[in-house]
Amino acid sequence: MARATAHPNHNCISSEDIHGTEVYGPDGKKIGEIDHLIIDKTSGRVGYAVMSFGGFMGLNHSHYPIPWGALQYDTSLSGFRTNITEQMLKDAPQFSDDSWQDRNWEVQWHKHYRAPHYWEMAAQ
């Protein structure tokens, strides 16, 4: 069950409340759910939401970091909407735990998902 609406009148939300929030593709079909967030230690900006998708009853599911800028919260869905498709997830550049240390990988990842670079976005 999505918990991102636990505090609907607040501008801020705990990452704990985002865990399990559903993600919907451009066709309105659920493609996964948020597992956890990746935060840039220096700027404090959320860089990625790691989304799980696929599998059955929690088995054989995959985790993919999704650029935070590629997600928009949709109150009518009580979840995040994205233009990312399941096929884009399947075709994404290879990811490993070392990828976080490689800005070239991040540039390639953001380009694949057509999302702005979180490190170049102005603080809001």
PDB file of N, CA and C in Angstrom:
ATOM      1  N   MET A   1       0.841  -1.179   0.000  1.00  0.00           N
ATOM      2  CA  MET A   1       0.000   0.000   0.000  1.00  0.00           C
ATOM      3  C   MET A   1       0.881   1.235   0.000  1.00  0.00           C
ATOM      4  N   ALA A   2       0.576   2.194  -0.831  1.00  0.00           N
ATOM      5  CA  ALA A   2       1.343   3.434  -0.908  1.00  0.00           C
ATOM      6  C   ALA A   2       1.147   4.243   0.365  1.00  0.00           C
ATOM      7  N   ARG A   3       2.240   4.816   0.823  1.00  0.00           N
ATOM      8  CA  ARG A   3       2.166   5.623   2.040  1.00  0.00           C
ATOM      9  C   ARG A   3       2.513   7.069   1.765  1.00  0.00           C
ATOM     10  N   ALA A   4       2.726   7.454   0.513  1.00  0.00           N
ATOM     11  CA  ALA A   4       3.158   8.809   0.194  1.00  0.00           C
ATOM     12  C   ALA A   4       2.105   9.844   0.526  1.00  0.00           C
ATOM     13  N   THR A   5       0.911   9.424   0.847  1.00  0.00           N
ATOM     14  CA  THR A   5      -0.135  10.376   1.211  1.00  0.00           C
ATOM     15  C   THR A   5      -0.348  10.418   2.718  1.00  0.00           C
ATOM     16  N   ALA A   6       0.586   9.873   3.483  1.00  0.00           N
ATOM     17  CA  ALA A   6       0.441   9.826   4.933  1.00  0.00           C
ATOM     18  C   ALA A   6       0.258  11.216   5.539  1.00  0.00           C
ATOM     19  N   HIS A   7       0.831  12.225   4.925  1.00  0.00           N
ATOM     20  CA  HIS A   7       0.712  13.610   5.391  1.00  0.00           C
ATOM     21  C   HIS A   7       0.338  14.487   4.198  1.00  0.00           C
ATOM     22  N   PRO A   8      -0.908  14.384   3.694  1.00  0.00           N
ATOM     23  CA  PRO A   8      -1.275  15.051   2.445  1.00  0.00           C
ATOM     24  C   PRO A   8      -1.193  16.574   2.481  1.00  0.00           C
ATOM     25  N   ASN A   9      -1.193  17.193   3.655  1.00  0.00           N
ATOM     26  CA  ASN A   9      -1.167  18.655   3.732  1.00  0.00           C
ATOM     27  C   ASN A   9       0.226  19.225   3.971  1.00  0.00           C
ATOM     28  N   HIS A  10       1.245  18.379   3.977  1.00  0.00           N
ATOM     29  CA  HIS A  10       2.615  18.833   4.213  1.00  0.00           C
ATOM     30  C   HIS A  10       3.366  18.949   2.891  1.00  0.00           C
ATOM     31  N   ASN A  11       4.279  19.913   2.809  1.00  0.00           N
ATOM     32  CA  ASN A  11       5.133  20.046   1.623  1.00  0.00           C
ATOM     33  C   ASN A  11       6.299  19.068   1.668  1.00  0.00           C
ATOM     34  N   CYS A  12       6.681  18.641   2.847  1.00  0.00           N
ATOM     35  CA  CYS A  12       7.788  17.700   3.001  1.00  0.00           C
ATOM     36  C   CYS A  12       7.225  16.326   3.336  1.00  0.00           C
ATOM     37  N   ILE A  13       8.027  15.315   3.017  1.00  0.00           N
ATOM     38  CA  ILE A  13       7.608  13.945   3.296  1.00  0.00           C
ATOM     39  C   ILE A  13       8.835  13.137   3.692  1.00  0.00           C
ATOM     40  N   SER A  14       8.655  12.204   4.561  1.00  0.00           N
ATOM     41  CA  SER A  14       9.735  11.324   4.981  1.00  0.00           C
ATOM     42  C   SER A  14      10.000  10.280   3.898  1.00  0.00           C
ATOM     43  N   SER A  15      11.266   9.937   3.695  1.00  0.00           N
ATOM     44  CA  SER A  15      11.581   8.879   2.737  1.00  0.00           C
ATOM     45  C   SER A  15      10.924   7.569   3.163  1.00  0.00           C
ATOM     46  N   GLU A  16      10.713   7.413   4.454  1.00  0.00           N
ATOM     47  CA  GLU A  16      10.036   6.223   4.962  1.00  0.00           C
ATOM     48  C   GLU A  16       8.614   6.122   4.398  1.00  0.00           C
ATOM     49  N   ASP A  17       7.963   7.266   4.225  1.00  0.00           N
ATOM     50  CA  ASP A  17       6.605   7.284   3.692  1.00  0.00           C
ATOM     51  C   ASP A  17       6.568   7.029   2.191  1.00  0.00           C
ATOM     52  N   ILE A  18       7.677   7.256   1.507  1.00  0.00           N
ATOM     53  CA  ILE A  18       7.728   7.047   0.059  1.00  0.00           C
ATOM     54  C   ILE A  18       7.902   5.570  -0.269  1.00  0.00           C
ATOM     55  N   HIS A  19       8.547   4.829   0.623  1.00  0.00           N
ATOM     56  CA  HIS A  19       8.763   3.394   0.399  1.00  0.00           C
ATOM     57  C   HIS A  19       7.423   2.713   0.120  1.00  0.00           C
ATOM     58  N   GLY A  20       7.355   1.992  -0.986  1.00  0.00           N
ATOM     59  CA  GLY A  20       6.139   1.274  -1.346  1.00  0.00           C
ATOM     60  C   GLY A  20       5.166   2.062  -2.206  1.00  0.00           C
ATOM     61  N   THR A  21       5.454   3.350  -2.445  1.00  0.00           N
ATOM     62  CA  THR A  21       4.568   4.149  -3.284  1.00  0.00           C
ATOM     63  C   THR A  21       4.639   3.642  -4.715  1.00  0.00           C
ATOM     64  N   GLU A  22       3.496   3.478  -5.327  1.00  0.00           N
ATOM     65  CA  GLU A  22       3.424   2.926  -6.681  1.00  0.00           C
ATOM     66  C   GLU A  22       3.869   3.936  -7.727  1.00  0.00           C
ATOM     67  N   VAL A  23       4.426   3.413  -8.827  1.00  0.00           N
ATOM     68  CA  VAL A  23       4.871   4.222  -9.960  1.00  0.00           C
ATOM     69  C   VAL A  23       4.082   3.765 -11.180  1.00  0.00           C
ATOM     70  N   TYR A  24       3.524   4.749 -11.903  1.00  0.00           N
ATOM     71  CA  TYR A  24       2.694   4.474 -13.069  1.00  0.00           C
ATOM     72  C   TYR A  24       3.354   5.025 -14.323  1.00  0.00           C
ATOM     73  N   GLY A  25       3.306   4.245 -15.399  1.00  0.00           N
ATOM     74  CA  GLY A  25       3.873   4.654 -16.676  1.00  0.00           C
ATOM     75  C   GLY A  25       2.964   5.616 -17.417  1.00  0.00           C
ATOM     76  N   PRO A  26       3.373   6.031 -18.619  1.00  0.00           N
ATOM     77  CA  PRO A  26       2.607   7.014 -19.378  1.00  0.00           C
ATOM     78  C   PRO A  26       1.195   6.547 -19.733  1.00  0.00           C
ATOM     79  N   ASP A  27       0.977   5.241 -19.752  1.00  0.00           N
ATOM     80  CA  ASP A  27      -0.347   4.708 -20.067  1.00  0.00           C
ATOM     81  C   ASP A  27      -1.223   4.536 -18.827  1.00  0.00           C
ATOM     82  N   GLY A  28      -0.713   4.942 -17.651  1.00  0.00           N
ATOM     83  CA  GLY A  28      -1.465   4.824 -16.410  1.00  0.00           C
ATOM     84  C   GLY A  28      -1.370   3.458 -15.762  1.00  0.00           C
ATOM     85  N   LYS A  29      -0.603   2.555 -16.360  1.00  0.00           N
ATOM     86  CA  LYS A  29      -0.419   1.203 -15.827  1.00  0.00           C
ATOM     87  C   LYS A  29       0.688   1.206 -14.776  1.00  0.00           C
ATOM     88  N   LYS A  30       0.462   0.511 -13.670  1.00  0.00           N
ATOM     89  CA  LYS A  30       1.488   0.415 -12.626  1.00  0.00           C
ATOM     90  C   LYS A  30       2.688  -0.340 -13.185  1.00  0.00           C
ATOM     91  N   ILE A  31       3.888   0.256 -13.034  1.00  0.00           N
ATOM     92  CA  ILE A  31       5.103  -0.407 -13.510  1.00  0.00           C
ATOM     93  C   ILE A  31       6.020  -0.823 -12.360  1.00  0.00           C
ATOM     94  N   GLY A  32       5.746  -0.372 -11.159  1.00  0.00           N
ATOM     95  CA  GLY A  32       6.592  -0.739 -10.031  1.00  0.00           C
ATOM     96  C   GLY A  32       6.251   0.079  -8.808  1.00  0.00           C
ATOM     97  N   GLU A  33       7.167   0.041  -7.832  1.00  0.00           N
ATOM     98  CA  GLU A  33       6.993   0.836  -6.623  1.00  0.00           C
ATOM     99  C   GLU A  33       8.357   1.265  -6.102  1.00  0.00           C
ATOM    100  N   ILE A  34       8.346   2.352  -5.350  1.00  0.00           N
ATOM    101  CA  ILE A  34       9.585   2.908  -4.807  1.00  0.00           C
ATOM    102  C   ILE A  34      10.087   2.022  -3.663  1.00  0.00           C
ATOM    103  N   ASP A  35      11.352   1.637  -3.751  1.00  0.00           N
ATOM    104  CA  ASP A  35      11.977   0.849  -2.700  1.00  0.00           C
ATOM    105  C   ASP A  35      12.741   1.763  -1.734  1.00  0.00           C
ATOM    106  N   HIS A  36      13.571   2.657  -2.286  1.00  0.00           N
ATOM    107  CA  HIS A  36      14.298   3.608  -1.448  1.00  0.00           C
ATOM    108  C   HIS A  36      14.807   4.770  -2.316  1.00  0.00           C
ATOM    109  N   LEU A  37      15.372   5.769  -1.674  1.00  0.00           N
ATOM    110  CA  LEU A  37      15.887   6.949  -2.355  1.00  0.00           C
ATOM    111  C   LEU A  37      17.399   7.000  -2.256  1.00  0.00           C
ATOM    112  N   ILE A  38      18.021   7.622  -3.255  1.00  0.00           N
ATOM    113  CA  ILE A  38      19.460   7.890  -3.240  1.00  0.00           C
ATOM    114  C   ILE A  38      19.615   9.406  -3.163  1.00  0.00           C
ATOM    115  N   ILE A  39      20.311   9.871  -2.142  1.00  0.00           N
ATOM    116  CA  ILE A  39      20.468  11.301  -1.888  1.00  0.00           C
ATOM    117  C   ILE A  39      21.926  11.689  -2.069  1.00  0.00           C
ATOM    118  N   ASP A  40      22.159  12.772  -2.804  1.00  0.00           N
ATOM    119  CA  ASP A  40      23.505  13.301  -2.982  1.00  0.00           C
ATOM    120  C   ASP A  40      23.973  13.855  -1.639  1.00  0.00           C
ATOM    121  N   LYS A  41      25.068  13.310  -1.093  1.00  0.00           N
ATOM    122  CA  LYS A  41      25.546  13.707   0.231  1.00  0.00           C
ATOM    123  C   LYS A  41      25.963  15.169   0.291  1.00  0.00           C
ATOM    124  N   THR A  42      26.507  15.689  -0.799  1.00  0.00           N
ATOM    125  CA  THR A  42      27.017  17.053  -0.789  1.00  0.00           C
ATOM    126  C   THR A  42      25.907  18.084  -0.894  1.00  0.00           C
ATOM    127  N   SER A  43      25.017  17.919  -1.862  1.00  0.00           N
ATOM    128  CA  SER A  43      23.972  18.922  -2.090  1.00  0.00           C
ATOM    129  C   SER A  43      22.716  18.668  -1.269  1.00  0.00           C
ATOM    130  N   GLY A  44      22.512  17.424  -0.836  1.00  0.00           N
ATOM    131  CA  GLY A  44      21.296  17.077  -0.122  1.00  0.00           C
ATOM    132  C   GLY A  44      20.114  16.803  -1.043  1.00  0.00           C
ATOM    133  N   ARG A  45      20.330  16.882  -2.353  1.00  0.00           N
ATOM    134  CA  ARG A  45      19.249  16.654  -3.312  1.00  0.00           C
ATOM    135  C   ARG A  45      19.000  15.165  -3.498  1.00  0.00           C
ATOM    136  N   VAL A  46      17.728  14.832  -3.700  1.00  0.00           N
ATOM    137  CA  VAL A  46      17.396  13.454  -4.065  1.00  0.00           C
ATOM    138  C   VAL A  46      17.832  13.277  -5.507  1.00  0.00           C
ATOM    139  N   GLY A  47      18.679  12.297  -5.762  1.00  0.00           N
ATOM    140  CA  GLY A  47      19.157  12.033  -7.114  1.00  0.00           C
ATOM    141  C   GLY A  47      18.315  10.983  -7.817  1.00  0.00           C
ATOM    142  N   TYR A  48      17.962   9.929  -7.065  1.00  0.00           N
ATOM    143  CA  TYR A  48      17.272   8.797  -7.665  1.00  0.00           C
ATOM    144  C   TYR A  48      16.263   8.206  -6.692  1.00  0.00           C
ATOM    145  N   ALA A  49      15.228   7.632  -7.250  1.00  0.00           N
ATOM    146  CA  ALA A  49      14.334   6.756  -6.513  1.00  0.00           C
ATOM    147  C   ALA A  49      14.610   5.365  -7.060  1.00  0.00           C
ATOM    148  N   VAL A  50      14.937   4.431  -6.207  1.00  0.00           N
ATOM    149  CA  VAL A  50      15.178   3.076  -6.670  1.00  0.00           C
ATOM    150  C   VAL A  50      13.828   2.366  -6.692  1.00  0.00           C
ATOM    151  N   MET A  51      13.443   1.932  -7.886  1.00  0.00           N
ATOM    152  CA  MET A  51      12.142   1.331  -8.093  1.00  0.00           C
ATOM    153  C   MET A  51      12.287  -0.175  -8.262  1.00  0.00           C
ATOM    154  N   SER A  52      11.391  -0.924  -7.650  1.00  0.00           N
ATOM    155  CA  SER A  52      11.361  -2.364  -7.874  1.00  0.00           C
ATOM    156  C   SER A  52      10.207  -2.659  -8.822  1.00  0.00           C
ATOM    157  N   PHE A  53      10.432  -3.623  -9.699  1.00  0.00           N
ATOM    158  CA  PHE A  53       9.353  -4.033 -10.586  1.00  0.00           C
ATOM    159  C   PHE A  53       9.563  -5.480 -11.001  1.00  0.00           C
ATOM    160  N   GLY A  54       8.485  -6.080 -11.482  1.00  0.00           N
ATOM    161  CA  GLY A  54       8.535  -7.468 -11.936  1.00  0.00           C
ATOM    162  C   GLY A  54       8.448  -8.432 -10.779  1.00  0.00           C
ATOM    163  N   GLY A  55       8.570  -9.693 -11.092  1.00  0.00           N
ATOM    164  CA  GLY A  55       8.536 -10.734 -10.081  1.00  0.00           C
ATOM    165  C   GLY A  55       7.125 -11.084  -9.662  1.00  0.00           C
ATOM    166  N   PHE A  56       7.040 -12.042  -8.779  1.00  0.00           N
ATOM    167  CA  PHE A  56       5.774 -12.517  -8.263  1.00  0.00           C
ATOM    168  C   PHE A  56       5.906 -12.687  -6.763  1.00  0.00           C
ATOM    169  N   MET A  57       5.044 -12.024  -6.009  1.00  0.00           N
ATOM    170  CA  MET A  57       5.049 -12.090  -4.548  1.00  0.00           C
ATOM    171  C   MET A  57       6.419 -11.756  -3.969  1.00  0.00           C
ATOM    172  N   GLY A  58       7.080 -10.755  -4.552  1.00  0.00           N
ATOM    173  CA  GLY A  58       8.367 -10.301  -4.031  1.00  0.00           C
ATOM    174  C   GLY A  58       9.568 -11.092  -4.503  1.00  0.00           C
ATOM    175  N   LEU A  59       9.366 -12.122  -5.306  1.00  0.00           N
ATOM    176  CA  LEU A  59      10.472 -12.934  -5.791  1.00  0.00           C
ATOM    177  C   LEU A  59      10.844 -12.525  -7.213  1.00  0.00           C
ATOM    178  N   ASN A  60      12.131 -12.573  -7.507  1.00  0.00           N
ATOM    179  CA  ASN A  60      12.651 -12.269  -8.845  1.00  0.00           C
ATOM    180  C   ASN A  60      12.315 -10.861  -9.325  1.00  0.00           C
ATOM    181  N   HIS A  61      12.194  -9.926  -8.418  1.00  0.00           N
ATOM    182  CA  HIS A  61      11.961  -8.559  -8.865  1.00  0.00           C
ATOM    183  C   HIS A  61      13.301  -7.859  -9.071  1.00  0.00           C
ATOM    184  N   SER A  62      13.287  -6.828  -9.883  1.00  0.00           N
ATOM    185  CA  SER A  62      14.500  -6.072 -10.201  1.00  0.00           C
ATOM    186  C   SER A  62      14.419  -4.696  -9.572  1.00  0.00           C
ATOM    187  N   HIS A  63      15.578  -4.125  -9.294  1.00  0.00           N
ATOM    188  CA  HIS A  63      15.662  -2.768  -8.764  1.00  0.00           C
ATOM    189  C   HIS A  63      16.367  -1.884  -9.786  1.00  0.00           C
ATOM    190  N   TYR A  64      15.778  -0.733 -10.060  1.00  0.00           N
ATOM    191  CA  TYR A  64      16.353   0.211 -11.009  1.00  0.00           C
ATOM    192  C   TYR A  64      16.320   1.610 -10.425  1.00  0.00           C
ATOM    193  N   PRO A  65      17.460   2.301 -10.450  1.00  0.00           N
ATOM    194  CA  PRO A  65      17.433   3.704 -10.029  1.00  0.00           C
ATOM    195  C   PRO A  65      16.774   4.534 -11.129  1.00  0.00           C
ATOM    196  N   ILE A  66      15.812   5.323 -10.743  1.00  0.00           N
ATOM    197  CA  ILE A  66      15.089   6.197 -11.664  1.00  0.00           C
ATOM    198  C   ILE A  66      15.456   7.629 -11.294  1.00  0.00           C
ATOM    199  N   PRO A  67      15.877   8.455 -12.249  1.00  0.00           N
ATOM    200  CA  PRO A  67      16.162   9.851 -11.899  1.00  0.00           C
ATOM    201  C   PRO A  67      14.940  10.488 -11.226  1.00  0.00           C
ATOM    202  N   TRP A  68      15.167  11.112 -10.094  1.00  0.00           N
ATOM    203  CA  TRP A  68      14.088  11.727  -9.329  1.00  0.00           C
ATOM    204  C   TRP A  68      13.312  12.723 -10.196  1.00  0.00           C
ATOM    205  N   GLY A  69      14.014  13.416 -11.090  1.00  0.00           N
ATOM    206  CA  GLY A  69      13.368  14.397 -11.970  1.00  0.00           C
ATOM    207  C   GLY A  69      12.432  13.773 -12.998  1.00  0.00           C
ATOM    208  N   ALA A  70      12.442  12.431 -13.117  1.00  0.00           N
ATOM    209  CA  ALA A  70      11.562  11.741 -14.065  1.00  0.00           C
ATOM    210  C   ALA A  70      10.243  11.322 -13.411  1.00  0.00           C
ATOM    211  N   LEU A  71      10.066  11.652 -12.143  1.00  0.00           N
ATOM    212  CA  LEU A  71       8.853  11.282 -11.415  1.00  0.00           C
ATOM    213  C   LEU A  71       8.081  12.529 -11.011  1.00  0.00           C
ATOM    214  N   GLN A  72       6.774  12.475 -11.134  1.00  0.00           N
ATOM    215  CA  GLN A  72       5.897  13.547 -10.670  1.00  0.00           C
ATOM    216  C   GLN A  72       4.806  12.903  -9.828  1.00  0.00           C
ATOM    217  N   TYR A  73       4.594  13.431  -8.634  1.00  0.00           N
ATOM    218  CA  TYR A  73       3.556  12.864  -7.776  1.00  0.00           C
ATOM    219  C   TYR A  73       2.188  13.255  -8.313  1.00  0.00           C
ATOM    220  N   ASP A  74       1.304  12.289  -8.445  1.00  0.00           N
ATOM    221  CA  ASP A  74      -0.043  12.498  -8.978  1.00  0.00           C
ATOM    222  C   ASP A  74      -1.037  12.157  -7.871  1.00  0.00           C
ATOM    223  N   THR A  75      -1.685  13.176  -7.326  1.00  0.00           N
ATOM    224  CA  THR A  75      -2.608  12.944  -6.210  1.00  0.00           C
ATOM    225  C   THR A  75      -3.783  12.063  -6.612  1.00  0.00           C
ATOM    226  N   SER A  76      -4.190  12.103  -7.876  1.00  0.00           N
ATOM    227  CA  SER A  76      -5.323  11.267  -8.297  1.00  0.00           C
ATOM    228  C   SER A  76      -4.971   9.780  -8.286  1.00  0.00           C
ATOM    229  N   LEU A  77      -3.689   9.458  -8.401  1.00  0.00           N
ATOM    230  CA  LEU A  77      -3.234   8.068  -8.360  1.00  0.00           C
ATOM    231  C   LEU A  77      -2.691   7.679  -6.987  1.00  0.00           C
ATOM    232  N   SER A  78      -2.452   8.673  -6.142  1.00  0.00           N
ATOM    233  CA  SER A  78      -1.747   8.457  -4.878  1.00  0.00           C
ATOM    234  C   SER A  78      -0.431   7.739  -5.135  1.00  0.00           C
ATOM    235  N   GLY A  79       0.216   8.135  -6.237  1.00  0.00           N
ATOM    236  CA  GLY A  79       1.482   7.537  -6.625  1.00  0.00           C
ATOM    237  C   GLY A  79       2.218   8.452  -7.577  1.00  0.00           C
ATOM    238  N   PHE A  80       3.361   7.982  -8.051  1.00  0.00           N
ATOM    239  CA  PHE A  80       4.171   8.766  -8.977  1.00  0.00           C
ATOM    240  C   PHE A  80       3.850   8.386 -10.410  1.00  0.00           C
ATOM    241  N   ARG A  81       3.808   9.385 -11.260  1.00  0.00           N
ATOM    242  CA  ARG A  81       3.622   9.179 -12.689  1.00  0.00           C
ATOM    243  C   ARG A  81       4.962   9.468 -13.365  1.00  0.00           C
ATOM    244  N   THR A  82       5.265   8.711 -14.410  1.00  0.00           N
ATOM    245  CA  THR A  82       6.505   8.902 -15.151  1.00  0.00           C
ATOM    246  C   THR A  82       6.266   8.610 -16.620  1.00  0.00           C
ATOM    247  N   ASN A  83       7.120   9.135 -17.461  1.00  0.00           N
ATOM    248  CA  ASN A  83       7.082   8.816 -18.886  1.00  0.00           C
ATOM    249  C   ASN A  83       7.957   7.609 -19.201  1.00  0.00           C
ATOM    250  N   ILE A  84       8.548   7.015 -18.185  1.00  0.00           N
ATOM    251  CA  ILE A  84       9.385   5.831 -18.348  1.00  0.00           C
ATOM    252  C   ILE A  84       8.485   4.615 -18.559  1.00  0.00           C
ATOM    253  N   THR A  85       8.822   3.835 -19.562  1.00  0.00           N
ATOM    254  CA  THR A  85       8.053   2.627 -19.861  1.00  0.00           C
ATOM    255  C   THR A  85       8.792   1.392 -19.335  1.00  0.00           C
ATOM    256  N   GLU A  86       8.082   0.279 -19.265  1.00  0.00           N
ATOM    257  CA  GLU A  86       8.736  -0.971 -18.863  1.00  0.00           C
ATOM    258  C   GLU A  86       9.861  -1.321 -19.829  1.00  0.00           C
ATOM    259  N   GLN A  87       9.659  -1.048 -21.106  1.00  0.00           N
ATOM    260  CA  GLN A  87      10.695  -1.353 -22.095  1.00  0.00           C
ATOM    261  C   GLN A  87      11.941  -0.505 -21.855  1.00  0.00           C
ATOM    262  N   MET A  88      11.748   0.762 -21.483  1.00  0.00           N
ATOM    263  CA  MET A  88      12.902   1.611 -21.166  1.00  0.00           C
ATOM    264  C   MET A  88      13.672   1.038 -19.982  1.00  0.00           C
ATOM    265  N   LEU A  89      12.960   0.517 -18.991  1.00  0.00           N
ATOM    266  CA  LEU A  89      13.624  -0.103 -17.841  1.00  0.00           C
ATOM    267  C   LEU A  89      14.448  -1.309 -18.288  1.00  0.00           C
ATOM    268  N   LYS A  90      13.858  -2.122 -19.137  1.00  0.00           N
ATOM    269  CA  LYS A  90      14.551  -3.316 -19.613  1.00  0.00           C
ATOM    270  C   LYS A  90      15.760  -2.972 -20.482  1.00  0.00           C
ATOM    271  N   ASP A  91      15.688  -1.853 -21.210  1.00  0.00           N
ATOM    272  CA  ASP A  91      16.766  -1.445 -22.124  1.00  0.00           C
ATOM    273  C   ASP A  91      17.780  -0.501 -21.475  1.00  0.00           C
ATOM    274  N   ALA A  92      17.631  -0.230 -20.195  1.00  0.00           N
ATOM    275  CA  ALA A  92      18.496   0.740 -19.513  1.00  0.00           C
ATOM    276  C   ALA A  92      19.949   0.282 -19.526  1.00  0.00           C
ATOM    277  N   PRO A  93      20.877   1.248 -19.498  1.00  0.00           N
ATOM    278  CA  PRO A  93      22.303   0.888 -19.402  1.00  0.00           C
ATOM    279  C   PRO A  93      22.538   0.035 -18.159  1.00  0.00           C
ATOM    280  N   GLN A  94      23.523  -0.824 -18.239  1.00  0.00           N
ATOM    281  CA  GLN A  94      23.824  -1.722 -17.128  1.00  0.00           C
ATOM    282  C   GLN A  94      24.159  -0.919 -15.879  1.00  0.00           C
ATOM    283  N   PHE A  95      23.686  -1.396 -14.753  1.00  0.00           N
ATOM    284  CA  PHE A  95      23.878  -0.737 -13.471  1.00  0.00           C
ATOM    285  C   PHE A  95      24.625  -1.675 -12.525  1.00  0.00           C
ATOM    286  N   SER A  96      25.538  -1.090 -11.748  1.00  0.00           N
ATOM    287  CA  SER A  96      26.210  -1.841 -10.685  1.00  0.00           C
ATOM    288  C   SER A  96      26.388  -0.901  -9.500  1.00  0.00           C
ATOM    289  N   ASP A  97      26.782  -1.442  -8.367  1.00  0.00           N
ATOM    290  CA  ASP A  97      26.978  -0.601  -7.181  1.00  0.00           C
ATOM    291  C   ASP A  97      28.078   0.432  -7.385  1.00  0.00           C
ATOM    292  N   ASP A  98      28.995   0.201  -8.328  1.00  0.00           N
ATOM    293  CA  ASP A  98      30.060   1.156  -8.612  1.00  0.00           C
ATOM    294  C   ASP A  98      29.583   2.314  -9.486  1.00  0.00           C
ATOM    295  N   SER A  99      28.396   2.180 -10.075  1.00  0.00           N
ATOM    296  CA  SER A  99      27.882   3.214 -10.975  1.00  0.00           C
ATOM    297  C   SER A  99      27.742   4.571 -10.289  1.00  0.00           C
ATOM    298  N   TRP A 100      27.456   4.561  -8.973  1.00  0.00           N
ATOM    299  CA  TRP A 100      27.257   5.820  -8.246  1.00  0.00           C
ATOM    300  C   TRP A 100      28.506   6.685  -8.239  1.00  0.00           C
ATOM    301  N   GLN A 101      29.661   6.107  -8.488  1.00  0.00           N
ATOM    302  CA  GLN A 101      30.914   6.860  -8.455  1.00  0.00           C
ATOM    303  C   GLN A 101      31.331   7.344  -9.835  1.00  0.00           C
ATOM    304  N   ASP A 102      30.494   7.150 -10.827  1.00  0.00           N
ATOM    305  CA  ASP A 102      30.854   7.443 -12.219  1.00  0.00           C
ATOM    306  C   ASP A 102      29.879   8.449 -12.820  1.00  0.00           C
ATOM    307  N   ARG A 103      30.315   9.710 -12.898  1.00  0.00           N
ATOM    308  CA  ARG A 103      29.439  10.757 -13.441  1.00  0.00           C
ATOM    309  C   ARG A 103      29.068  10.465 -14.890  1.00  0.00           C
ATOM    310  N   ASN A 104      29.964   9.838 -15.667  1.00  0.00           N
ATOM    311  CA  ASN A 104      29.629   9.482 -17.048  1.00  0.00           C
ATOM    312  C   ASN A 104      28.464   8.502 -17.098  1.00  0.00           C
ATOM    313  N   TRP A 105      28.443   7.551 -16.164  1.00  0.00           N
ATOM    314  CA  TRP A 105      27.313   6.629 -16.100  1.00  0.00           C
ATOM    315  C   TRP A 105      26.032   7.402 -15.800  1.00  0.00           C
ATOM    316  N   GLU A 106      26.106   8.322 -14.829  1.00  0.00           N
ATOM    317  CA  GLU A 106      24.921   9.101 -14.466  1.00  0.00           C
ATOM    318  C   GLU A 106      24.409   9.914 -15.651  1.00  0.00           C
ATOM    319  N   VAL A 107      25.314  10.525 -16.406  1.00  0.00           N
ATOM    320  CA  VAL A 107      24.916  11.298 -17.591  1.00  0.00           C
ATOM    321  C   VAL A 107      24.205  10.377 -18.589  1.00  0.00           C
ATOM    322  N   GLN A 108      24.771   9.212 -18.825  1.00  0.00           N
ATOM    323  CA  GLN A 108      24.177   8.246 -19.751  1.00  0.00           C
ATOM    324  C   GLN A 108      22.795   7.798 -19.246  1.00  0.00           C
ATOM    325  N   TRP A 109      22.682   7.543 -17.953  1.00  0.00           N
ATOM    326  CA  TRP A 109      21.433   7.097 -17.340  1.00  0.00           C
ATOM    327  C   TRP A 109      20.350   8.145 -17.493  1.00  0.00           C
ATOM    328  N   HIS A 110      20.671   9.411 -17.190  1.00  0.00           N
ATOM    329  CA  HIS A 110      19.698  10.497 -17.322  1.00  0.00           C
ATOM    330  C   HIS A 110      19.296  10.693 -18.783  1.00  0.00           C
ATOM    331  N   LYS A 111      20.240  10.570 -19.685  1.00  0.00           N
ATOM    332  CA  LYS A 111      19.930  10.702 -21.111  1.00  0.00           C
ATOM    333  C   LYS A 111      18.969   9.599 -21.545  1.00  0.00           C
ATOM    334  N   HIS A 112      19.208   8.374 -21.098  1.00  0.00           N
ATOM    335  CA  HIS A 112      18.344   7.247 -21.454  1.00  0.00           C
ATOM    336  C   HIS A 112      16.902   7.511 -21.019  1.00  0.00           C
ATOM    337  N   TYR A 113      16.733   8.065 -19.824  1.00  0.00           N
ATOM    338  CA  TYR A 113      15.396   8.320 -19.287  1.00  0.00           C
ATOM    339  C   TYR A 113      14.859   9.711 -19.622  1.00  0.00           C
ATOM    340  N   ARG A 114      15.650  10.469 -20.379  1.00  0.00           N
ATOM    341  CA  ARG A 114      15.253  11.831 -20.779  1.00  0.00           C
ATOM    342  C   ARG A 114      14.876  12.683 -19.561  1.00  0.00           C
ATOM    343  N   ALA A 115      15.737  12.626 -18.563  1.00  0.00           N
ATOM    344  CA  ALA A 115      15.495  13.345 -17.314  1.00  0.00           C
ATOM    345  C   ALA A 115      16.611  14.355 -17.085  1.00  0.00           C
ATOM    346  N   PRO A 116      16.293  15.488 -16.444  1.00  0.00           N
ATOM    347  CA  PRO A 116      17.333  16.478 -16.150  1.00  0.00           C
ATOM    348  C   PRO A 116      18.341  15.926 -15.148  1.00  0.00           C
ATOM    349  N   HIS A 117      19.563  16.405 -15.237  1.00  0.00           N
ATOM    350  CA  HIS A 117      20.607  16.007 -14.276  1.00  0.00           C
ATOM    351  C   HIS A 117      20.296  16.667 -12.935  1.00  0.00           C
ATOM    352  N   TYR A 118      20.155  15.883 -11.897  1.00  0.00           N
ATOM    353  CA  TYR A 118      19.811  16.453 -10.589  1.00  0.00           C
ATOM    354  C   TYR A 118      20.881  17.433 -10.113  1.00  0.00           C
ATOM    355  N   TRP A 119      22.137  17.233 -10.473  1.00  0.00           N
ATOM    356  CA  TRP A 119      23.228  18.082 -10.004  1.00  0.00           C
ATOM    357  C   TRP A 119      23.256  19.427 -10.720  1.00  0.00           C
ATOM    358  N   GLU A 120      22.488  19.571 -11.783  1.00  0.00           N
ATOM    359  CA  GLU A 120      22.428  20.848 -12.505  1.00  0.00           C
ATOM    360  C   GLU A 120      21.116  21.589 -12.275  1.00  0.00           C
ATOM    361  N   MET A 121      20.195  20.962 -11.578  1.00  0.00           N
ATOM    362  CA  MET A 121      18.907  21.606 -11.327  1.00  0.00           C
ATOM    363  C   MET A 121      19.057  22.655 -10.232  1.00  0.00           C
ATOM    364  N   ALA A 122      18.393  23.765 -10.425  1.00  0.00           N
ATOM    365  CA  ALA A 122      18.425  24.837  -9.438  1.00  0.00           C
ATOM    366  C   ALA A 122      17.664  24.390  -8.189  1.00  0.00           C
ATOM    367  N   ALA A 123      18.153  24.816  -7.053  1.00  0.00           N
ATOM    368  CA  ALA A 123      17.460  24.517  -5.810  1.00  0.00           C
ATOM    369  C   ALA A 123      16.116  25.225  -5.821  1.00  0.00           C
ATOM    370  N   GLN A 124      15.101  24.558  -5.337  1.00  0.00           N
ATOM    371  CA  GLN A 124      13.766  25.147  -5.339  1.00  0.00           C
ATOM    372  C   GLN A 124      13.407  25.690  -3.993  1.00  0.00           C
TER     373      GLN A 124
END
